[in-house]
PDB file of all heavy atoms in Angstrom:
ATOM      1  N   VAL A   1      16.107  14.648  59.564  1.00  0.00           N
ATOM      2  CA  VAL A   1      16.658  15.835  58.910  1.00  0.00           C
ATOM      3  C   VAL A   1      15.598  16.931  58.811  1.00  0.00           C
ATOM      4  O   VAL A   1      15.869  18.109  59.051  1.00  0.00           O
ATOM      5  CB  VAL A   1      17.220  15.474  57.518  1.00  0.00           C
ATOM      6  CG1 VAL A   1      17.569  16.729  56.722  1.00  0.00           C
ATOM      7  CG2 VAL A   1      18.452  14.594  57.664  1.00  0.00           C
ATOM      8  N   ALA A   2      14.379  16.532  58.445  1.00  0.00           N
ATOM      9  CA  ALA A   2      13.289  17.505  58.348  1.00  0.00           C
ATOM     10  C   ALA A   2      13.005  18.148  59.699  1.00  0.00           C
ATOM     11  O   ALA A   2      12.788  19.366  59.792  1.00  0.00           O
ATOM     12  CB  ALA A   2      12.030  16.830  57.805  1.00  0.00           C
ATOM     13  N   VAL A   3      13.018  17.349  60.761  1.00  0.00           N
ATOM     14  CA  VAL A   3      12.790  17.883  62.102  1.00  0.00           C
ATOM     15  C   VAL A   3      13.934  18.823  62.496  1.00  0.00           C
ATOM     16  O   VAL A   3      13.710  19.907  63.050  1.00  0.00           O
ATOM     17  CB  VAL A   3      12.650  16.748  63.129  1.00  0.00           C
ATOM     18  CG1 VAL A   3      12.639  17.302  64.554  1.00  0.00           C
ATOM     19  CG2 VAL A   3      11.381  15.940  62.865  1.00  0.00           C
ATOM     20  N   ALA A   4      15.173  18.415  62.185  1.00  0.00           N
ATOM     21  CA  ALA A   4      16.329  19.249  62.531  1.00  0.00           C
ATOM     22  C   ALA A   4      16.248  20.605  61.848  1.00  0.00           C
ATOM     23  O   ALA A   4      16.523  21.643  62.468  1.00  0.00           O
ATOM     24  CB  ALA A   4      17.622  18.534  62.136  1.00  0.00           C
ATOM     25  N   ALA A   5      15.864  20.620  60.567  1.00  0.00           N
ATOM     26  CA  ALA A   5      15.745  21.892  59.850  1.00  0.00           C
ATOM     27  C   ALA A   5      14.597  22.730  60.405  1.00  0.00           C
ATOM     28  O   ALA A   5      14.694  23.960  60.507  1.00  0.00           O
ATOM     29  CB  ALA A   5      15.554  21.641  58.365  1.00  0.00           C
ATOM     30  N   ALA A   6      13.497  22.066  60.774  1.00  0.00           N
ATOM     31  CA  ALA A   6      12.363  22.784  61.353  1.00  0.00           C
ATOM     32  C   ALA A   6      12.746  23.414  62.688  1.00  0.00           C
ATOM     33  O   ALA A   6      12.333  24.535  62.998  1.00  0.00           O
ATOM     34  CB  ALA A   6      11.179  21.837  61.535  1.00  0.00           C
ATOM     35  N   ARG A   7      13.538  22.715  63.478  1.00  0.00           N
ATOM     36  CA  ARG A   7      13.980  23.247  64.771  1.00  0.00           C
ATOM     37  C   ARG A   7      14.821  24.506  64.584  1.00  0.00           C
ATOM     38  O   ARG A   7      14.872  25.372  65.468  1.00  0.00           O
ATOM     39  CB  ARG A   7      14.769  22.165  65.515  1.00  0.00           C
ATOM     40  CG  ARG A   7      15.108  22.480  66.953  1.00  0.00           C
ATOM     41  CD  ARG A   7      13.895  22.568  67.867  1.00  0.00           C
ATOM     42  NE  ARG A   7      13.152  21.352  67.966  1.00  0.00           N
ATOM     43  CZ  ARG A   7      13.432  20.340  68.811  1.00  0.00           C
ATOM     44  NH1 ARG A   7      14.473  20.431  69.613  1.00  0.00           N
ATOM     45  NH2 ARG A   7      12.678  19.271  68.845  1.00  0.00           N
ATOM     46  N   LEU A   8      15.442  24.609  63.410  1.00  0.00           N
ATOM     47  CA  LEU A   8      16.264  25.784  63.104  1.00  0.00           C
ATOM     48  C   LEU A   8      15.464  26.877  62.408  1.00  0.00           C
ATOM     49  O   LEU A   8      16.033  27.880  61.956  1.00  0.00           O
ATOM     50  CB  LEU A   8      17.457  25.366  62.234  1.00  0.00           C
ATOM     51  CG  LEU A   8      18.433  24.406  62.915  1.00  0.00           C
ATOM     52  CD1 LEU A   8      19.434  23.847  61.907  1.00  0.00           C
ATOM     53  CD2 LEU A   8      19.157  25.091  64.072  1.00  0.00           C
ATOM     54  N   GLY A   9      14.135  26.692  62.301  1.00  0.00           N
ATOM     55  CA  GLY A   9      13.272  27.744  61.782  1.00  0.00           C
ATOM     56  C   GLY A   9      12.832  27.579  60.346  1.00  0.00           C
ATOM     57  O   GLY A   9      12.168  28.469  59.802  1.00  0.00           O
ATOM     58  N   ARG A  10      13.157  26.432  59.719  1.00  0.00           N
ATOM     59  CA  ARG A  10      12.778  26.212  58.332  1.00  0.00           C
ATOM     60  C   ARG A  10      11.427  25.522  58.228  1.00  0.00           C
ATOM     61  O   ARG A  10      11.039  24.741  59.094  1.00  0.00           O
ATOM     62  CB  ARG A  10      13.851  25.361  57.630  1.00  0.00           C
ATOM     63  CG  ARG A  10      15.220  26.025  57.598  1.00  0.00           C
ATOM     64  CD  ARG A  10      15.210  27.264  56.749  1.00  0.00           C
ATOM     65  NE  ARG A  10      16.483  28.003  56.819  1.00  0.00           N
ATOM     66  CZ  ARG A  10      16.718  29.109  56.132  1.00  0.00           C
ATOM     67  NH1 ARG A  10      15.787  29.616  55.342  1.00  0.00           N
ATOM     68  NH2 ARG A  10      17.881  29.726  56.242  1.00  0.00           N
ATOM     69  N   ARG A  11      10.698  25.799  57.132  1.00  0.00           N
ATOM     70  CA  ARG A  11       9.428  25.117  56.836  1.00  0.00           C
ATOM     71  C   ARG A  11       9.753  23.824  56.107  1.00  0.00           C
ATOM     72  O   ARG A  11      10.370  23.839  55.048  1.00  0.00           O
ATOM     73  CB  ARG A  11       8.528  26.005  55.976  1.00  0.00           C
ATOM     74  CG  ARG A  11       8.050  27.256  56.688  1.00  0.00           C
ATOM     75  CD  ARG A  11       7.235  28.158  55.773  1.00  0.00           C
ATOM     76  NE  ARG A  11       6.099  27.457  55.186  1.00  0.00           N
ATOM     77  CZ  ARG A  11       5.940  27.241  53.884  1.00  0.00           C
ATOM     78  NH1 ARG A  11       6.846  27.644  53.018  1.00  0.00           N
ATOM     79  NH2 ARG A  11       4.865  26.618  53.430  1.00  0.00           N
ATOM     80  N   THR A  12       9.351  22.689  56.684  1.00  0.00           N
ATOM     81  CA  THR A  12       9.730  21.397  56.129  1.00  0.00           C
ATOM     82  C   THR A  12       8.529  20.456  56.044  1.00  0.00           C
ATOM     83  O   THR A  12       7.506  20.653  56.714  1.00  0.00           O
ATOM     84  CB  THR A  12      10.826  20.713  56.974  1.00  0.00           C
ATOM     85  OG1 THR A  12      10.276  20.345  58.249  1.00  0.00           O
ATOM     86  CG2 THR A  12      12.011  21.636  57.203  1.00  0.00           C
ATOM     87  N   GLY A  13       8.676  19.436  55.220  1.00  0.00           N
ATOM     88  CA  GLY A  13       7.676  18.384  55.107  1.00  0.00           C
ATOM     89  C   GLY A  13       8.375  17.088  54.725  1.00  0.00           C
ATOM     90  O   GLY A  13       9.521  17.095  54.267  1.00  0.00           O
ATOM     91  N   VAL A  14       7.697  15.960  54.908  1.00  0.00           N
ATOM     92  CA  VAL A  14       8.270  14.649  54.624  1.00  0.00           C
ATOM     93  C   VAL A  14       7.344  13.860  53.705  1.00  0.00           C
ATOM     94  O   VAL A  14       6.131  13.781  53.950  1.00  0.00           O
ATOM     95  CB  VAL A  14       8.491  13.834  55.916  1.00  0.00           C
ATOM     96  CG1 VAL A  14       9.143  12.493  55.593  1.00  0.00           C
ATOM     97  CG2 VAL A  14       9.347  14.589  56.900  1.00  0.00           C
ATOM     98  N   VAL A  15       7.933  13.285  52.643  1.00  0.00           N
ATOM     99  CA  VAL A  15       7.228  12.328  51.783  1.00  0.00           C
ATOM    100  C   VAL A  15       7.625  10.942  52.270  1.00  0.00           C
ATOM    101  O   VAL A  15       8.779  10.522  52.110  1.00  0.00           O
ATOM    102  CB  VAL A  15       7.611  12.500  50.299  1.00  0.00           C
ATOM    103  CG1 VAL A  15       6.833  11.508  49.437  1.00  0.00           C
ATOM    104  CG2 VAL A  15       7.356  13.929  49.841  1.00  0.00           C
ATOM    105  N   THR A  16       6.685  10.222  52.881  1.00  0.00           N
ATOM    106  CA  THR A  16       6.984   8.904  53.424  1.00  0.00           C
ATOM    107  C   THR A  16       5.683   8.126  53.573  1.00  0.00           C
ATOM    108  O   THR A  16       4.626   8.583  53.133  1.00  0.00           O
ATOM    109  CB  THR A  16       7.738   9.013  54.763  1.00  0.00           C
ATOM    110  OG1 THR A  16       8.210   7.718  55.156  1.00  0.00           O
ATOM    111  CG2 THR A  16       6.863   9.599  55.869  1.00  0.00           C
ATOM    112  N   LYS A  17       5.765   6.945  54.193  1.00  0.00           N
ATOM    113  CA  LYS A  17       4.579   6.129  54.444  1.00  0.00           C
ATOM    114  C   LYS A  17       4.719   5.426  55.778  1.00  0.00           C
ATOM    115  O   LYS A  17       5.833   5.035  56.173  1.00  0.00           O
ATOM    116  CB  LYS A  17       4.406   5.063  53.348  1.00  0.00           C
ATOM    117  CG  LYS A  17       3.504   5.443  52.199  1.00  0.00           C
ATOM    118  CD  LYS A  17       3.272   4.221  51.299  1.00  0.00           C
ATOM    119  CE  LYS A  17       2.349   4.541  50.159  1.00  0.00           C
ATOM    120  NZ  LYS A  17       2.147   3.349  49.285  1.00  0.00           N
ATOM    121  N   VAL A  18       3.587   5.230  56.439  1.00  0.00           N
ATOM    122  CA  VAL A  18       3.532   4.489  57.692  1.00  0.00           C
ATOM    123  C   VAL A  18       2.482   3.391  57.564  1.00  0.00           C
ATOM    124  O   VAL A  18       1.798   3.272  56.547  1.00  0.00           O
ATOM    125  CB  VAL A  18       3.180   5.417  58.873  1.00  0.00           C
ATOM    126  CG1 VAL A  18       4.267   6.446  59.084  1.00  0.00           C
ATOM    127  CG2 VAL A  18       1.820   6.104  58.647  1.00  0.00           C
ATOM    128  N   GLY A  19       2.350   2.585  58.599  1.00  0.00           N
ATOM    129  CA  GLY A  19       1.319   1.565  58.626  1.00  0.00           C
ATOM    130  C   GLY A  19       0.023   2.096  59.212  1.00  0.00           C
ATOM    131  O   GLY A  19      -0.014   3.166  59.840  1.00  0.00           O
ATOM    132  N   ALA A  20      -1.042   1.325  59.023  1.00  0.00           N
ATOM    133  CA  ALA A  20      -2.352   1.681  59.586  1.00  0.00           C
ATOM    134  C   ALA A  20      -2.422   1.159  61.021  1.00  0.00           C
ATOM    135  O   ALA A  20      -3.175   0.233  61.346  1.00  0.00           O
ATOM    136  CB  ALA A  20      -3.469   1.095  58.729  1.00  0.00           C
ATOM    137  N   ASP A  21      -1.619   1.766  61.881  1.00  0.00           N
ATOM    138  CA  ASP A  21      -1.509   1.285  63.260  1.00  0.00           C
ATOM    139  C   ASP A  21      -1.234   2.457  64.193  1.00  0.00           C
ATOM    140  O   ASP A  21      -1.075   3.602  63.753  1.00  0.00           O
ATOM    141  CB  ASP A  21      -0.403   0.226  63.375  1.00  0.00           C
ATOM    142  CG  ASP A  21       0.937   0.673  62.783  1.00  0.00           C
ATOM    143  OD1 ASP A  21       1.309   1.846  62.981  1.00  0.00           O
ATOM    144  OD2 ASP A  21       1.606  -0.148  62.132  1.00  0.00           O
ATOM    145  N   GLY A  22      -1.162   2.177  65.464  1.00  0.00           N
ATOM    146  CA  GLY A  22      -0.957   3.228  66.446  1.00  0.00           C
ATOM    147  C   GLY A  22       0.370   3.941  66.294  1.00  0.00           C
ATOM    148  O   GLY A  22       0.468   5.141  66.559  1.00  0.00           O
ATOM    149  N   PHE A  23       1.397   3.224  65.873  1.00  0.00           N
ATOM    150  CA  PHE A  23       2.689   3.869  65.669  1.00  0.00           C
ATOM    151  C   PHE A  23       2.638   4.833  64.481  1.00  0.00           C
ATOM    152  O   PHE A  23       3.300   5.870  64.490  1.00  0.00           O
ATOM    153  CB  PHE A  23       3.786   2.825  65.472  1.00  0.00           C
ATOM    154  CG  PHE A  23       4.220   2.152  66.742  1.00  0.00           C
ATOM    155  CD1 PHE A  23       4.200   0.765  66.853  1.00  0.00           C
ATOM    156  CD2 PHE A  23       4.656   2.887  67.831  1.00  0.00           C
ATOM    157  CE1 PHE A  23       4.607   0.136  68.016  1.00  0.00           C
ATOM    158  CE2 PHE A  23       5.067   2.272  69.006  1.00  0.00           C
ATOM    159  CZ  PHE A  23       5.040   0.885  69.106  1.00  0.00           C
ATOM    160  N   GLY A  24       1.845   4.480  63.463  1.00  0.00           N
ATOM    161  CA  GLY A  24       1.664   5.416  62.355  1.00  0.00           C
ATOM    162  C   GLY A  24       0.973   6.692  62.810  1.00  0.00           C
ATOM    163  O   GLY A  24       1.332   7.802  62.391  1.00  0.00           O
ATOM    164  N   ASP A  25      -0.030   6.527  63.677  1.00  0.00           N
ATOM    165  CA  ASP A  25      -0.694   7.709  64.244  1.00  0.00           C
ATOM    166  C   ASP A  25       0.293   8.551  65.044  1.00  0.00           C
ATOM    167  O   ASP A  25       0.263   9.794  64.998  1.00  0.00           O
ATOM    168  CB  ASP A  25      -1.844   7.264  65.165  1.00  0.00           C
ATOM    169  CG  ASP A  25      -2.955   6.541  64.411  1.00  0.00           C
ATOM    170  OD1 ASP A  25      -3.064   6.716  63.180  1.00  0.00           O
ATOM    171  OD2 ASP A  25      -3.705   5.788  65.069  1.00  0.00           O
ATOM    172  N   TYR A  26       1.166   7.868  65.779  1.00  0.00           N
ATOM    173  CA  TYR A  26       2.174   8.586  66.567  1.00  0.00           C
ATOM    174  C   TYR A  26       3.092   9.400  65.661  1.00  0.00           C
ATOM    175  O   TYR A  26       3.440  10.543  65.986  1.00  0.00           O
ATOM    176  CB  TYR A  26       2.990   7.594  67.393  1.00  0.00           C
ATOM    177  CG  TYR A  26       4.256   8.190  67.960  1.00  0.00           C
ATOM    178  CD1 TYR A  26       4.211   9.063  69.041  1.00  0.00           C
ATOM    179  CD2 TYR A  26       5.504   7.905  67.390  1.00  0.00           C
ATOM    180  CE1 TYR A  26       5.369   9.630  69.554  1.00  0.00           C
ATOM    181  CE2 TYR A  26       6.658   8.471  67.893  1.00  0.00           C
ATOM    182  CZ  TYR A  26       6.589   9.328  68.974  1.00  0.00           C
ATOM    183  OH  TYR A  26       7.730   9.903  69.470  1.00  0.00           O
ATOM    184  N   VAL A  27       3.520   8.819  64.524  1.00  0.00           N
ATOM    185  CA  VAL A  27       4.408   9.536  63.597  1.00  0.00           C
ATOM    186  C   VAL A  27       3.767  10.852  63.167  1.00  0.00           C
ATOM    187  O   VAL A  27       4.401  11.915  63.192  1.00  0.00           O
ATOM    188  CB  VAL A  27       4.740   8.662  62.374  1.00  0.00           C
ATOM    189  CG1 VAL A  27       5.366   9.506  61.256  1.00  0.00           C
ATOM    190  CG2 VAL A  27       5.683   7.529  62.762  1.00  0.00           C
ATOM    191  N   ARG A  28       2.495  10.808  62.767  1.00  0.00           N
ATOM    192  CA  ARG A  28       1.825  12.030  62.315  1.00  0.00           C
ATOM    193  C   ARG A  28       1.717  13.057  63.447  1.00  0.00           C
ATOM    194  O   ARG A  28       1.939  14.256  63.248  1.00  0.00           O
ATOM    195  CB  ARG A  28       0.437  11.689  61.772  1.00  0.00           C
ATOM    196  CG  ARG A  28       0.467  10.994  60.420  1.00  0.00           C
ATOM    197  CD  ARG A  28      -0.938  10.886  59.832  1.00  0.00           C
ATOM    198  NE  ARG A  28      -0.891  10.400  58.471  1.00  0.00           N
ATOM    199  CZ  ARG A  28      -0.853   9.114  58.114  1.00  0.00           C
ATOM    200  NH1 ARG A  28      -0.872   8.175  59.077  1.00  0.00           N
ATOM    201  NH2 ARG A  28      -0.813   8.750  56.847  1.00  0.00           N
ATOM    202  N   THR A  29       1.383  12.588  64.635  1.00  0.00           N
ATOM    203  CA  THR A  29       1.267  13.491  65.782  1.00  0.00           C
ATOM    204  C   THR A  29       2.611  14.116  66.125  1.00  0.00           C
ATOM    205  O   THR A  29       2.710  15.320  66.405  1.00  0.00           O
ATOM    206  CB  THR A  29       0.714  12.733  66.995  1.00  0.00           C
ATOM    207  OG1 THR A  29      -0.581  12.200  66.680  1.00  0.00           O
ATOM    208  CG2 THR A  29       0.598  13.646  68.204  1.00  0.00           C
ATOM    209  N   ALA A  30       3.664  13.303  66.086  1.00  0.00           N
ATOM    210  CA  ALA A  30       4.993  13.810  66.401  1.00  0.00           C
ATOM    211  C   ALA A  30       5.446  14.833  65.364  1.00  0.00           C
ATOM    212  O   ALA A  30       6.002  15.882  65.722  1.00  0.00           O
ATOM    213  CB  ALA A  30       5.992  12.659  66.478  1.00  0.00           C
ATOM    214  N   LEU A  31       5.216  14.553  64.093  1.00  0.00           N
ATOM    215  CA  LEU A  31       5.590  15.508  63.049  1.00  0.00           C
ATOM    216  C   LEU A  31       4.879  16.843  63.263  1.00  0.00           C
ATOM    217  O   LEU A  31       5.493  17.916  63.158  1.00  0.00           O
ATOM    218  CB  LEU A  31       5.263  14.946  61.664  1.00  0.00           C
ATOM    219  CG  LEU A  31       6.180  13.832  61.151  1.00  0.00           C
ATOM    220  CD1 LEU A  31       5.598  13.207  59.886  1.00  0.00           C
ATOM    221  CD2 LEU A  31       7.584  14.363  60.879  1.00  0.00           C
ATOM    222  N   ALA A  32       3.599  16.776  63.552  1.00  0.00           N
ATOM    223  CA  ALA A  32       2.840  18.009  63.800  1.00  0.00           C
ATOM    224  C   ALA A  32       3.422  18.771  64.984  1.00  0.00           C
ATOM    225  O   ALA A  32       3.522  20.001  64.968  1.00  0.00           O
ATOM    226  CB  ALA A  32       1.370  17.682  64.033  1.00  0.00           C
ATOM    227  N   GLY A  33       3.835  18.045  66.008  1.00  0.00           N
ATOM    228  CA  GLY A  33       4.418  18.681  67.178  1.00  0.00           C
ATOM    229  C   GLY A  33       5.724  19.383  66.863  1.00  0.00           C
ATOM    230  O   GLY A  33       6.058  20.390  67.497  1.00  0.00           O
ATOM    231  N   PHE A  34       6.445  18.857  65.884  1.00  0.00           N
ATOM    232  CA  PHE A  34       7.704  19.488  65.466  1.00  0.00           C
ATOM    233  C   PHE A  34       7.488  20.510  64.356  1.00  0.00           C
ATOM    234  O   PHE A  34       8.453  21.053  63.816  1.00  0.00           O
ATOM    235  CB  PHE A  34       8.691  18.423  64.977  1.00  0.00           C
ATOM    236  CG  PHE A  34       9.204  17.518  66.060  1.00  0.00           C
ATOM    237  CD1 PHE A  34       9.089  16.137  65.940  1.00  0.00           C
ATOM    238  CD2 PHE A  34       9.804  18.039  67.198  1.00  0.00           C
ATOM    239  CE1 PHE A  34       9.571  15.292  66.926  1.00  0.00           C
ATOM    240  CE2 PHE A  34      10.285  17.192  68.185  1.00  0.00           C
ATOM    241  CZ  PHE A  34      10.167  15.819  68.055  1.00  0.00           C
ATOM    242  N   GLU A  35       6.234  20.753  63.991  1.00  0.00           N
ATOM    243  CA  GLU A  35       5.869  21.696  62.935  1.00  0.00           C
ATOM    244  C   GLU A  35       6.448  21.283  61.578  1.00  0.00           C
ATOM    245  O   GLU A  35       6.886  22.108  60.785  1.00  0.00           O
ATOM    246  CB  GLU A  35       6.280  23.128  63.309  1.00  0.00           C
ATOM    247  CG  GLU A  35       5.571  23.623  64.569  1.00  0.00           C
ATOM    248  CD  GLU A  35       5.876  25.080  64.886  1.00  0.00           C
ATOM    249  OE1 GLU A  35       6.767  25.661  64.239  1.00  0.00           O
ATOM    250  OE2 GLU A  35       5.201  25.635  65.779  1.00  0.00           O
ATOM    251  N   VAL A  36       6.439  19.969  61.337  1.00  0.00           N
ATOM    252  CA  VAL A  36       6.820  19.412  60.044  1.00  0.00           C
ATOM    253  C   VAL A  36       5.542  18.982  59.339  1.00  0.00           C
ATOM    254  O   VAL A  36       4.704  18.273  59.922  1.00  0.00           O
ATOM    255  CB  VAL A  36       7.769  18.216  60.214  1.00  0.00           C
ATOM    256  CG1 VAL A  36       8.062  17.556  58.857  1.00  0.00           C
ATOM    257  CG2 VAL A  36       9.065  18.647  60.876  1.00  0.00           C
ATOM    258  N   ASP A  37       5.372  19.389  58.087  1.00  0.00           N
ATOM    259  CA  ASP A  37       4.164  19.090  57.328  1.00  0.00           C
ATOM    260  C   ASP A  37       4.047  17.582  57.098  1.00  0.00           C
ATOM    261  O   ASP A  37       4.926  16.967  56.496  1.00  0.00           O
ATOM    262  CB  ASP A  37       4.213  19.823  55.991  1.00  0.00           C
ATOM    263  CG  ASP A  37       2.892  19.758  55.229  1.00  0.00           C
ATOM    264  OD1 ASP A  37       2.018  18.948  55.599  1.00  0.00           O
ATOM    265  OD2 ASP A  37       2.750  20.503  54.242  1.00  0.00           O
ATOM    266  N   ALA A  38       2.970  16.978  57.576  1.00  0.00           N
ATOM    267  CA  ALA A  38       2.735  15.543  57.418  1.00  0.00           C
ATOM    268  C   ALA A  38       1.726  15.249  56.316  1.00  0.00           C
ATOM    269  O   ALA A  38       1.240  14.118  56.216  1.00  0.00           O
ATOM    270  CB  ALA A  38       2.259  14.948  58.741  1.00  0.00           C
ATOM    271  N   SER A  39       1.431  16.231  55.469  1.00  0.00           N
ATOM    272  CA  SER A  39       0.423  16.049  54.420  1.00  0.00           C
ATOM    273  C   SER A  39       0.788  14.958  53.430  1.00  0.00           C
ATOM    274  O   SER A  39      -0.089  14.384  52.782  1.00  0.00           O
ATOM    275  CB  SER A  39       0.226  17.356  53.647  1.00  0.00           C
ATOM    276  OG  SER A  39      -0.181  18.393  54.491  1.00  0.00           O
ATOM    277  N   TYR A  40       2.107  14.692  53.297  1.00  0.00           N
ATOM    278  CA  TYR A  40       2.567  13.732  52.302  1.00  0.00           C
ATOM    279  C   TYR A  40       3.003  12.417  52.933  1.00  0.00           C
ATOM    280  O   TYR A  40       3.780  11.667  52.360  1.00  0.00           O
ATOM    281  CB  TYR A  40       3.697  14.354  51.474  1.00  0.00           C
ATOM    282  CG  TYR A  40       3.356  15.766  51.054  1.00  0.00           C
ATOM    283  CD1 TYR A  40       4.029  16.867  51.582  1.00  0.00           C
ATOM    284  CD2 TYR A  40       2.293  16.012  50.177  1.00  0.00           C
ATOM    285  CE1 TYR A  40       3.679  18.159  51.242  1.00  0.00           C
ATOM    286  CE2 TYR A  40       1.935  17.306  49.839  1.00  0.00           C
ATOM    287  CZ  TYR A  40       2.632  18.367  50.363  1.00  0.00           C
ATOM    288  OH  TYR A  40       2.269  19.644  50.029  1.00  0.00           O
TER     289      TYR A  40
END
């Protein structure tokens, strides 16, 4: 949902958690690529 809103021009961010693994790194990289704030 956050990515969908960002694609429509909205400033978005996600409060969530990932693991300490390569897939977690991928999540942060992907969010940044979609211009979704991954600070949280």
